[in-house]
N, C-alpha and C. Protein backbone atom coordinates (compact mmCIF):
# COMPACT_ATOMS: atom_id res chain seq x y z
N MET A 1 98.65 99.73 77.55
CA MET A 1 98.30 99.21 78.68
C MET A 1 97.88 99.96 79.68
N SER A 2 96.69 99.51 80.36
CA SER A 2 95.86 100.31 81.55
C SER A 2 97.02 101.00 82.72
N PHE A 3 96.29 102.34 83.71
CA PHE A 3 96.94 102.98 84.07
C PHE A 3 96.22 102.56 85.23
N ALA A 4 97.15 102.76 86.88
CA ALA A 4 96.33 102.49 87.89
C ALA A 4 96.52 103.84 88.96
N TYR A 5 95.55 103.99 89.77
CA TYR A 5 95.74 105.12 90.57
C TYR A 5 94.88 104.36 91.80
N THR A 6 95.85 104.79 92.93
CA THR A 6 95.74 103.82 94.15
C THR A 6 95.67 105.14 95.35
N VAL A 7 94.45 104.49 96.24
CA VAL A 7 94.31 105.97 97.06
C VAL A 7 94.45 104.74 98.83
N GLN A 8 94.82 105.61 99.30
CA GLN A 8 95.10 104.53 101.05
C GLN A 8 94.40 105.71 102.03
N GLY A 9 93.95 105.44 102.45
CA GLY A 9 93.28 105.53 103.84
C GLY A 9 93.58 104.93 105.00
N GLU A 10 94.18 105.33 105.91
CA GLU A 10 94.79 104.92 107.66
C GLU A 10 93.78 105.90 108.42
N PHE A 11 93.24 105.66 109.34
CA PHE A 11 92.52 106.25 110.44
C PHE A 11 92.86 105.69 112.04
N GLU A 12 92.61 106.67 112.76
CA GLU A 12 92.45 106.41 114.10
C GLU A 12 91.77 105.89 115.05
N ASP A 13 90.34 106.14 114.36
CA ASP A 13 89.15 105.75 114.85
C ASP A 13 88.63 104.82 113.86
N ALA A 14 88.05 103.53 114.07
CA ALA A 14 87.39 103.17 113.58
C ALA A 14 86.21 102.76 113.32
N ALA A 15 85.26 104.03 113.67
CA ALA A 15 84.15 104.84 113.43
C ALA A 15 84.29 105.31 112.43
N VAL A 16 85.34 106.59 112.46
CA VAL A 16 85.35 107.26 110.97
C VAL A 16 85.79 106.10 110.03
N ALA A 17 86.79 105.52 110.06
CA ALA A 17 86.75 104.60 109.14
C ALA A 17 85.73 103.91 108.47
N ALA A 18 84.79 103.30 109.50
CA ALA A 18 83.25 103.07 108.54
C ALA A 18 82.80 103.79 108.12
N GLU A 19 82.97 104.81 108.84
CA GLU A 19 81.88 105.99 107.97
C GLU A 19 82.13 106.31 106.53
N TRP A 20 83.83 106.56 106.31
CA TRP A 20 84.45 107.08 105.00
C TRP A 20 84.44 105.10 103.89
N VAL A 21 84.33 104.01 104.78
CA VAL A 21 83.87 102.97 103.71
C VAL A 21 82.47 102.89 102.95
N GLY A 22 81.88 103.33 104.37
CA GLY A 22 80.13 103.54 103.96
C GLY A 22 80.04 104.30 102.58
N TRP A 23 80.57 105.86 102.60
CA TRP A 23 81.05 106.64 101.55
C TRP A 23 81.36 106.54 100.28
N LEU A 24 82.08 105.62 100.23
CA LEU A 24 82.65 105.20 99.51
C LEU A 24 81.77 103.77 98.32
N GLN A 25 81.25 103.41 99.43
CA GLN A 25 80.41 102.06 98.80
C GLN A 25 79.13 102.80 98.35
N HIS A 26 78.60 103.75 99.06
CA HIS A 26 77.60 104.07 98.32
C HIS A 26 77.26 105.64 97.74
N GLY A 27 78.52 105.94 97.20
CA GLY A 27 78.34 106.82 95.65
C GLY A 27 79.81 106.94 95.34
N HIS A 28 80.99 106.82 96.48
CA HIS A 28 81.88 108.26 95.96
C HIS A 28 83.09 106.55 94.91
N LEU A 29 83.01 105.85 95.00
CA LEU A 29 83.17 104.42 94.14
C LEU A 29 82.75 104.77 92.76
N ALA A 30 81.73 104.79 92.67
CA ALA A 30 80.74 104.88 91.42
C ALA A 30 80.66 106.14 90.72
N ASP A 31 80.87 107.43 91.61
CA ASP A 31 81.16 108.66 90.80
C ASP A 31 82.93 108.71 90.75
N VAL A 32 83.54 108.11 90.50
CA VAL A 32 85.02 107.81 89.94
C VAL A 32 84.93 107.31 88.85
N LEU A 33 84.10 105.77 88.89
CA LEU A 33 83.47 105.43 87.55
C LEU A 33 83.03 106.30 86.91
N ALA A 34 82.21 106.90 87.01
CA ALA A 34 81.42 107.79 86.17
C ALA A 34 82.24 108.79 85.43
N GLY A 35 83.36 108.79 86.02
CA GLY A 35 84.58 110.04 85.90
C GLY A 35 85.75 109.33 85.02
N GLY A 36 85.81 108.30 84.60
CA GLY A 36 86.68 107.47 83.79
C GLY A 36 87.00 106.32 84.03
N ALA A 37 87.50 106.33 85.81
CA ALA A 37 87.76 104.90 85.54
C ALA A 37 87.32 103.18 85.34
N ARG A 38 87.61 102.44 85.11
CA ARG A 38 86.97 100.97 84.50
C ARG A 38 86.65 99.85 85.49
N GLU A 39 87.18 100.25 86.64
CA GLU A 39 87.70 99.45 87.64
C GLU A 39 87.74 99.91 89.34
N ALA A 40 87.05 99.79 90.44
CA ALA A 40 86.92 99.94 91.76
C ALA A 40 87.37 98.83 92.05
N VAL A 41 88.36 98.64 93.41
CA VAL A 41 88.45 98.03 94.12
C VAL A 41 88.72 98.61 95.73
N LEU A 42 87.83 98.20 96.30
CA LEU A 42 87.84 98.12 97.80
C LEU A 42 88.88 97.44 98.47
N VAL A 43 89.82 97.70 99.05
CA VAL A 43 90.88 96.30 99.66
C VAL A 43 90.40 97.17 101.41
N GLN A 44 90.27 96.10 102.42
CA GLN A 44 90.85 96.26 103.94
C GLN A 44 91.52 95.57 104.27
N LEU A 45 93.02 96.36 104.34
CA LEU A 45 94.40 96.04 104.79
C LEU A 45 94.52 95.90 106.23
N SER A 46 93.61 96.47 107.52
CA SER A 46 93.67 96.39 108.62
C SER A 46 92.32 96.25 109.12
N ALA A 47 92.08 96.71 110.31
CA ALA A 47 91.05 97.35 110.88
C ALA A 47 90.65 99.15 110.52
N VAL A 48 91.77 99.78 110.25
CA VAL A 48 91.46 100.97 109.92
C VAL A 48 92.44 101.35 109.09
N LYS A 49 92.82 100.37 108.10
CA LYS A 49 93.62 101.07 107.34
C LYS A 49 93.41 100.20 105.83
N PHE A 50 92.84 101.04 104.83
CA PHE A 50 92.47 100.69 103.43
C PHE A 50 93.01 101.09 102.50
N GLU A 51 92.95 100.37 101.05
CA GLU A 51 93.53 100.76 99.74
C GLU A 51 92.02 100.64 98.72
N VAL A 52 91.77 102.05 97.68
CA VAL A 52 90.70 101.60 96.71
C VAL A 52 92.11 101.95 95.27
N ARG A 53 91.63 100.79 94.71
CA ARG A 53 92.57 100.50 93.45
C ARG A 53 91.88 100.59 92.48
N TYR A 54 92.33 101.68 91.54
CA TYR A 54 91.19 102.33 90.13
C TYR A 54 91.80 101.85 89.41
N ARG A 55 91.66 101.38 88.24
CA ARG A 55 92.24 101.51 86.89
C ARG A 55 91.52 102.08 85.62
N PHE A 56 92.49 102.60 84.79
CA PHE A 56 91.78 103.47 83.89
C PHE A 56 92.64 103.10 82.64
N ALA A 57 91.97 103.56 81.68
CA ALA A 57 92.27 102.99 80.05
C ALA A 57 94.10 103.20 80.25
N ASP A 58 94.18 104.28 80.23
CA ASP A 58 95.42 104.88 80.00
C ASP A 58 95.75 106.10 80.91
N ALA A 59 97.40 106.88 80.28
CA ALA A 59 97.63 107.58 81.32
C ALA A 59 96.76 108.98 81.16
N ALA A 60 96.17 108.82 79.62
CA ALA A 60 95.61 110.00 79.40
C ALA A 60 93.86 110.55 79.93
N ALA A 61 93.58 108.73 80.01
CA ALA A 61 92.27 108.82 80.68
C ALA A 61 92.25 109.54 82.40
N PHE A 62 93.33 108.69 82.92
CA PHE A 62 93.35 109.97 83.96
C PHE A 62 93.80 110.75 83.97
N ALA A 63 94.59 111.27 83.52
CA ALA A 63 94.59 112.76 83.22
C ALA A 63 93.56 113.64 82.70
N ALA A 64 92.93 113.32 82.14
CA ALA A 64 91.26 113.60 81.92
C ALA A 64 90.02 112.99 83.35
N TYR A 65 90.22 112.32 84.12
CA TYR A 65 89.66 112.30 85.67
C TYR A 65 90.23 113.58 86.10
N GLU A 66 91.51 113.40 86.70
CA GLU A 66 92.60 114.40 87.34
C GLU A 66 91.92 115.69 86.99
N ARG A 67 91.90 116.45 85.69
CA ARG A 67 91.26 117.49 85.09
C ARG A 67 89.93 117.60 85.40
N ASP A 68 89.10 116.67 85.18
CA ASP A 68 87.69 116.96 84.97
C ASP A 68 86.76 116.81 86.42
N ALA A 69 86.79 115.62 86.70
CA ALA A 69 86.01 114.73 87.86
C ALA A 69 87.00 114.92 89.41
N ALA A 70 88.03 114.84 89.61
CA ALA A 70 88.38 114.76 90.80
C ALA A 70 88.62 116.42 91.63
N PRO A 71 89.11 117.13 91.28
CA PRO A 71 88.75 118.29 91.92
C PRO A 71 87.33 118.37 92.73
N LYS A 72 86.42 118.20 92.39
CA LYS A 72 85.20 118.02 92.93
C LYS A 72 85.06 116.93 94.14
N LEU A 73 85.66 116.02 93.10
CA LEU A 73 85.68 115.05 94.41
C LEU A 73 86.16 114.62 95.36
N ARG A 74 87.86 115.25 95.18
CA ARG A 74 88.79 115.34 96.10
C ARG A 74 88.02 115.81 97.20
N ALA A 75 87.48 117.43 97.10
CA ALA A 75 87.20 118.57 97.77
C ALA A 75 86.45 117.34 98.92
N GLU A 76 84.87 116.81 98.09
CA GLU A 76 83.87 116.92 98.77
C GLU A 76 84.26 115.51 100.41
N GLY A 77 85.38 114.39 99.68
CA GLY A 77 86.22 113.70 100.62
C GLY A 77 86.98 114.54 101.82
N LEU A 78 87.25 115.52 100.93
CA LEU A 78 88.39 116.45 101.98
C LEU A 78 87.61 117.03 103.08
N ALA A 79 86.29 117.38 102.90
CA ALA A 79 85.57 118.28 103.66
C ALA A 79 84.85 117.17 104.90
N LYS A 80 84.86 116.00 104.41
CA LYS A 80 84.18 114.78 105.20
C LYS A 80 85.16 114.26 105.71
N PHE A 81 86.20 114.12 105.59
CA PHE A 81 87.55 113.16 106.04
C PHE A 81 88.21 114.07 105.99
N PRO A 82 88.87 115.03 107.02
CA PRO A 82 90.22 115.73 106.86
C PRO A 82 90.73 115.20 108.25
N ALA A 83 92.07 115.35 107.95
CA ALA A 83 93.49 114.92 108.52
C ALA A 83 92.80 115.56 110.41
N THR A 84 91.83 116.35 110.18
CA THR A 84 91.43 116.50 111.77
C THR A 84 90.77 115.48 112.53
N ARG A 85 90.56 114.77 111.94
CA ARG A 85 89.46 113.62 112.24
C ARG A 85 90.17 112.37 111.99
N GLY A 86 92.06 112.46 112.10
CA GLY A 86 92.72 111.36 112.64
C GLY A 86 93.08 110.71 111.25
N VAL A 87 92.42 111.25 109.81
CA VAL A 87 92.95 110.73 108.65
C VAL A 87 93.77 111.21 108.06
N LYS A 88 94.56 109.79 107.37
CA LYS A 88 95.78 110.16 107.20
C LYS A 88 95.95 109.66 105.13
N MET A 89 95.74 110.01 104.01
CA MET A 89 95.67 109.57 102.88
C MET A 89 96.80 109.54 102.19
N ALA A 90 96.94 108.52 101.59
CA ALA A 90 98.07 108.99 100.41
C ALA A 90 97.99 107.67 98.85
N ARG A 91 98.08 108.54 98.22
CA ARG A 91 97.49 108.70 96.54
C ARG A 91 99.57 107.94 95.65
N SER A 92 98.94 107.26 95.08
CA SER A 92 99.80 106.53 93.75
C SER A 92 99.41 106.41 92.38
N THR A 93 100.25 106.41 91.52
CA THR A 93 100.16 106.11 90.50
C THR A 93 101.08 105.60 89.70
N GLY A 94 100.77 104.62 88.74
CA GLY A 94 101.69 103.96 87.81
C GLY A 94 100.74 103.52 86.52
N GLU A 95 101.63 102.88 85.60
CA GLU A 95 101.38 102.23 84.33
C GLU A 95 101.04 100.78 84.35
N ILE A 96 100.43 99.74 84.78
CA ILE A 96 100.09 98.84 84.95
C ILE A 96 100.56 98.11 83.52
N LEU A 97 102.01 97.16 83.85
CA LEU A 97 102.84 96.52 83.17
C LEU A 97 102.00 95.24 82.75
N THR A 98 101.51 94.07 83.73
CA THR A 98 100.92 93.13 83.45
C THR A 98 100.00 92.81 84.60
N ALA A 99 98.92 92.28 84.09
CA ALA A 99 97.31 92.10 84.66
C ALA A 99 97.11 90.84 84.26
N LEU A 100 97.03 89.74 85.36
CA LEU A 100 96.24 88.50 84.64
C LEU A 100 95.09 88.49 85.51
N THR A 101 94.39 87.60 85.00
CA THR A 101 93.32 87.48 85.13
C THR A 101 92.73 86.14 84.68
N ARG A 102 91.64 85.87 85.45
CA ARG A 102 91.33 84.28 85.36
C ARG A 102 89.66 84.05 84.85
């Protein structure tokens, strides 16, 4: 079964949120796909809260991503969107037990 990696971002300033969304859409999501994810979905939860849902083939593929690609990508994100800009990030991971598509 595949593996889920979710990043949630919440922003104090809508302009910073819009900048983050643009950064995701114009490179970062593709970079995570290049690093091993099979799917990347950006979801807007409110005007200033978002979730990015990545799917990996399995936990081993995610571990390889964390080892090889994530350090550089996370450092880039932290440099552009530090907590001092009113950004709160949270990450979660888990095994996908059921996924239905139509």
